[in-house]
Amino acid sequence: MKKGLFTLAIIFTFGILITSCKTSEKKEHDKVHVKEHLHAEKTVYQCPMKCEEEKTYEKEGTCPVCEMKLRKKAEQQQHEPHH
């Protein structure tokens, strides 16, 4: 009887360890994916009238030409694939 309980306890313990390791790997993968997404997209600002064509600014403010409020524009950075 004691041997059976001991065997069951060992199987249960290994089951928990294996499950927790898989969860940890998934969380790490998700963290890396979120970091890549944050680095791939940054917020820039641009004049809505495009007085300076496609010129963008890193901070909010007003256009130096027409003094209109700059609007947010998401800018995609090109990354080479990681192999």
N, C-alpha and C. Protein backbone atom coordinates (compact mmCIF):
# COMPACT_ATOMS: atom_id res chain seq x y z
N MET A 1 0.82 -1.20 0.00
CA MET A 1 0.00 0.00 0.00
C MET A 1 0.87 1.27 0.00
N LYS A 2 1.90 1.28 0.85
CA LYS A 2 2.79 2.44 0.91
C LYS A 2 3.54 2.61 -0.41
N LYS A 3 3.92 1.49 -1.00
CA LYS A 3 4.66 1.55 -2.27
C LYS A 3 3.77 2.14 -3.37
N GLY A 4 2.49 1.80 -3.38
CA GLY A 4 1.56 2.33 -4.37
C GLY A 4 1.34 3.83 -4.20
N LEU A 5 1.21 4.30 -2.97
CA LEU A 5 1.04 5.73 -2.70
C LEU A 5 2.30 6.50 -3.07
N PHE A 6 3.45 5.91 -2.76
CA PHE A 6 4.72 6.55 -3.11
C PHE A 6 4.86 6.68 -4.62
N THR A 7 4.53 5.63 -5.35
CA THR A 7 4.59 5.65 -6.82
C THR A 7 3.63 6.69 -7.38
N LEU A 8 2.41 6.76 -6.83
CA LEU A 8 1.42 7.73 -7.27
C LEU A 8 1.91 9.16 -7.00
N ALA A 9 2.54 9.38 -5.85
CA ALA A 9 3.07 10.71 -5.51
C ALA A 9 4.18 11.13 -6.47
N ILE A 10 5.04 10.19 -6.83
CA ILE A 10 6.12 10.50 -7.77
C ILE A 10 5.56 10.84 -9.15
N ILE A 11 4.59 10.07 -9.61
CA ILE A 11 3.98 10.34 -10.92
C ILE A 11 3.29 11.70 -10.92
N PHE A 12 2.59 12.00 -9.84
CA PHE A 12 1.90 13.29 -9.71
C PHE A 12 2.91 14.45 -9.73
N THR A 13 4.01 14.29 -9.00
CA THR A 13 5.04 15.32 -8.94
C THR A 13 5.67 15.56 -10.31
N PHE A 14 6.02 14.50 -11.02
CA PHE A 14 6.60 14.66 -12.36
C PHE A 14 5.58 15.28 -13.33
N GLY A 15 4.32 14.93 -13.18
CA GLY A 15 3.28 15.54 -14.02
C GLY A 15 3.21 17.03 -13.83
N ILE A 16 3.29 17.49 -12.59
CA ILE A 16 3.26 18.93 -12.30
C ILE A 16 4.51 19.61 -12.86
N LEU A 17 5.67 18.99 -12.68
CA LEU A 17 6.92 19.58 -13.18
C LEU A 17 6.90 19.72 -14.70
N ILE A 18 6.45 18.71 -15.40
CA ILE A 18 6.41 18.75 -16.86
C ILE A 18 5.43 19.82 -17.34
N THR A 19 4.27 19.90 -16.70
CA THR A 19 3.27 20.91 -17.09
C THR A 19 3.78 22.32 -16.83
N SER A 20 4.43 22.54 -15.69
CA SER A 20 4.91 23.88 -15.38
C SER A 20 6.03 24.31 -16.32
N CYS A 21 6.85 23.40 -16.78
CA CYS A 21 7.92 23.74 -17.72
C CYS A 21 7.35 24.18 -19.05
N LYS A 22 6.33 23.53 -19.54
CA LYS A 22 5.72 23.91 -20.81
C LYS A 22 5.09 25.29 -20.70
N THR A 23 4.45 25.59 -19.59
CA THR A 23 3.84 26.90 -19.40
C THR A 23 4.91 27.98 -19.38
N SER A 24 6.02 27.72 -18.74
CA SER A 24 7.11 28.69 -18.66
C SER A 24 7.67 28.99 -20.05
N GLU A 25 7.86 27.95 -20.86
CA GLU A 25 8.37 28.16 -22.21
C GLU A 25 7.41 29.00 -23.03
N LYS A 26 6.11 28.77 -22.89
CA LYS A 26 5.12 29.53 -23.64
C LYS A 26 5.15 30.99 -23.22
N LYS A 27 5.27 31.25 -21.92
CA LYS A 27 5.32 32.64 -21.45
C LYS A 27 6.54 33.35 -22.00
N GLU A 28 7.69 32.67 -22.02
CA GLU A 28 8.91 33.27 -22.57
C GLU A 28 8.72 33.59 -24.05
N HIS A 29 8.10 32.67 -24.79
CA HIS A 29 7.85 32.88 -26.21
C HIS A 29 6.93 34.09 -26.40
N ASP A 30 5.88 34.19 -25.58
CA ASP A 30 4.96 35.32 -25.67
C ASP A 30 5.67 36.64 -25.36
N LYS A 31 6.56 36.64 -24.35
CA LYS A 31 7.30 37.86 -24.01
C LYS A 31 8.18 38.31 -25.18
N VAL A 32 8.86 37.37 -25.81
CA VAL A 32 9.72 37.69 -26.95
C VAL A 32 8.87 38.25 -28.08
N HIS A 33 7.71 37.65 -28.34
CA HIS A 33 6.83 38.11 -29.42
C HIS A 33 6.34 39.53 -29.15
N VAL A 34 5.98 39.84 -27.90
CA VAL A 34 5.52 41.18 -27.55
C VAL A 34 6.65 42.18 -27.72
N LYS A 35 7.88 41.83 -27.30
CA LYS A 35 9.02 42.74 -27.45
C LYS A 35 9.29 43.02 -28.93
N GLU A 36 9.23 41.99 -29.77
CA GLU A 36 9.46 42.19 -31.20
C GLU A 36 8.40 43.11 -31.78
N HIS A 37 7.17 42.95 -31.35
CA HIS A 37 6.08 43.80 -31.86
C HIS A 37 6.28 45.25 -31.43
N LEU A 38 6.70 45.46 -30.18
CA LEU A 38 6.92 46.83 -29.71
C LEU A 38 8.06 47.50 -30.45
N HIS A 39 9.11 46.74 -30.78
CA HIS A 39 10.23 47.31 -31.51
C HIS A 39 9.90 47.52 -32.99
N ALA A 40 8.96 46.76 -33.51
CA ALA A 40 8.64 46.85 -34.92
C ALA A 40 7.77 48.06 -35.23
N GLU A 41 7.08 48.58 -34.23
CA GLU A 41 6.18 49.69 -34.48
C GLU A 41 6.44 50.79 -33.45
N LYS A 42 6.63 52.01 -33.92
CA LYS A 42 6.79 53.12 -32.99
C LYS A 42 5.88 54.25 -33.43
N THR A 43 5.52 55.10 -32.50
CA THR A 43 4.61 56.19 -32.81
C THR A 43 5.40 57.41 -33.26
N VAL A 44 5.01 57.94 -34.38
CA VAL A 44 5.60 59.18 -34.88
C VAL A 44 4.45 60.14 -35.18
N TYR A 45 4.78 61.38 -35.33
CA TYR A 45 3.78 62.43 -35.56
C TYR A 45 4.06 63.10 -36.89
N GLN A 46 2.98 63.52 -37.55
CA GLN A 46 3.11 64.13 -38.87
C GLN A 46 2.04 65.21 -39.02
N CYS A 47 2.35 66.22 -39.79
CA CYS A 47 1.39 67.29 -40.08
C CYS A 47 0.25 66.72 -40.92
N PRO A 48 -1.02 66.99 -40.57
CA PRO A 48 -2.14 66.49 -41.37
C PRO A 48 -2.19 67.10 -42.77
N MET A 49 -1.60 68.28 -42.94
CA MET A 49 -1.58 68.94 -44.25
C MET A 49 -0.35 68.52 -45.07
N LYS A 50 0.55 67.79 -44.45
CA LYS A 50 1.79 67.34 -45.10
C LYS A 50 2.56 68.49 -45.74
N CYS A 51 2.70 69.55 -44.95
CA CYS A 51 3.42 70.74 -45.41
C CYS A 51 4.87 70.39 -45.79
N GLU A 52 5.45 69.48 -45.06
CA GLU A 52 6.83 69.09 -45.32
C GLU A 52 6.87 67.69 -45.92
N GLU A 53 5.88 67.39 -46.74
CA GLU A 53 5.73 66.10 -47.41
C GLU A 53 5.60 64.98 -46.39
N GLU A 54 6.51 64.02 -46.36
CA GLU A 54 6.40 62.86 -45.47
C GLU A 54 7.26 62.99 -44.20
N LYS A 55 7.69 64.19 -43.86
CA LYS A 55 8.53 64.38 -42.68
C LYS A 55 7.73 64.03 -41.42
N THR A 56 8.39 63.30 -40.50
CA THR A 56 7.74 62.92 -39.25
C THR A 56 8.57 63.41 -38.07
N TYR A 57 7.91 63.46 -36.91
CA TYR A 57 8.54 63.90 -35.68
C TYR A 57 8.32 62.85 -34.60
N GLU A 58 9.26 62.73 -33.67
CA GLU A 58 9.15 61.74 -32.61
C GLU A 58 8.29 62.22 -31.45
N LYS A 59 8.05 63.52 -31.34
CA LYS A 59 7.28 64.07 -30.22
C LYS A 59 6.07 64.84 -30.74
N GLU A 60 5.05 64.92 -29.88
CA GLU A 60 3.87 65.72 -30.22
C GLU A 60 4.27 67.19 -30.31
N GLY A 61 3.46 67.95 -31.00
CA GLY A 61 3.74 69.37 -31.11
C GLY A 61 2.93 69.96 -32.25
N THR A 62 3.44 71.04 -32.82
CA THR A 62 2.78 71.68 -33.94
C THR A 62 3.73 71.74 -35.14
N CYS A 63 3.13 71.80 -36.29
CA CYS A 63 3.90 71.89 -37.53
C CYS A 63 4.62 73.24 -37.56
N PRO A 64 5.92 73.25 -37.87
CA PRO A 64 6.65 74.52 -37.91
C PRO A 64 6.23 75.41 -39.09
N VAL A 65 5.56 74.84 -40.11
CA VAL A 65 5.15 75.61 -41.28
C VAL A 65 3.76 76.21 -41.08
N CYS A 66 2.75 75.36 -40.83
CA CYS A 66 1.37 75.84 -40.74
C CYS A 66 0.86 75.93 -39.30
N GLU A 67 1.63 75.46 -38.35
CA GLU A 67 1.32 75.49 -36.93
C GLU A 67 0.08 74.68 -36.54
N MET A 68 -0.28 73.69 -37.36
CA MET A 68 -1.36 72.77 -37.00
C MET A 68 -0.81 71.71 -36.06
N LYS A 69 -1.69 71.12 -35.25
CA LYS A 69 -1.28 70.08 -34.33
C LYS A 69 -0.88 68.83 -35.11
N LEU A 70 0.28 68.28 -34.76
CA LEU A 70 0.75 67.05 -35.41
C LEU A 70 -0.12 65.88 -34.98
N ARG A 71 -0.37 64.94 -35.90
CA ARG A 71 -1.18 63.76 -35.62
C ARG A 71 -0.30 62.52 -35.57
N LYS A 72 -0.76 61.52 -34.80
CA LYS A 72 -0.02 60.26 -34.70
C LYS A 72 -0.05 59.49 -36.00
N LYS A 73 1.06 58.85 -36.29
CA LYS A 73 1.17 57.99 -37.46
C LYS A 73 2.03 56.81 -37.06
N ALA A 74 1.52 55.58 -37.23
CA ALA A 74 2.32 54.38 -36.89
C ALA A 74 3.28 54.12 -38.04
N GLU A 75 4.54 53.96 -37.71
CA GLU A 75 5.56 53.74 -38.73
C GLU A 75 6.15 52.35 -38.56
N GLN A 76 6.03 51.53 -39.59
CA GLN A 76 6.57 50.17 -39.55
C GLN A 76 8.04 50.20 -39.93
N GLN A 77 8.87 49.59 -39.10
CA GLN A 77 10.28 49.46 -39.42
C GLN A 77 10.49 48.14 -40.13
N GLN A 78 11.37 48.12 -41.09
CA GLN A 78 11.67 46.90 -41.81
C GLN A 78 12.75 46.12 -41.06
N HIS A 79 12.45 44.87 -40.73
CA HIS A 79 13.42 44.00 -40.07
C HIS A 79 13.75 42.85 -41.00
N GLU A 80 15.00 42.45 -40.97
CA GLU A 80 15.38 41.27 -41.72
C GLU A 80 14.95 40.06 -40.89
N PRO A 81 14.51 38.98 -41.55
CA PRO A 81 14.08 37.80 -40.79
C PRO A 81 15.23 37.20 -39.99
N HIS A 82 14.90 36.77 -38.76
CA HIS A 82 15.90 36.14 -37.89
C HIS A 82 15.89 34.65 -38.16
N HIS A 83 17.04 34.09 -38.50
CA HIS A 83 17.12 32.64 -38.76
C HIS A 83 18.01 32.00 -37.75
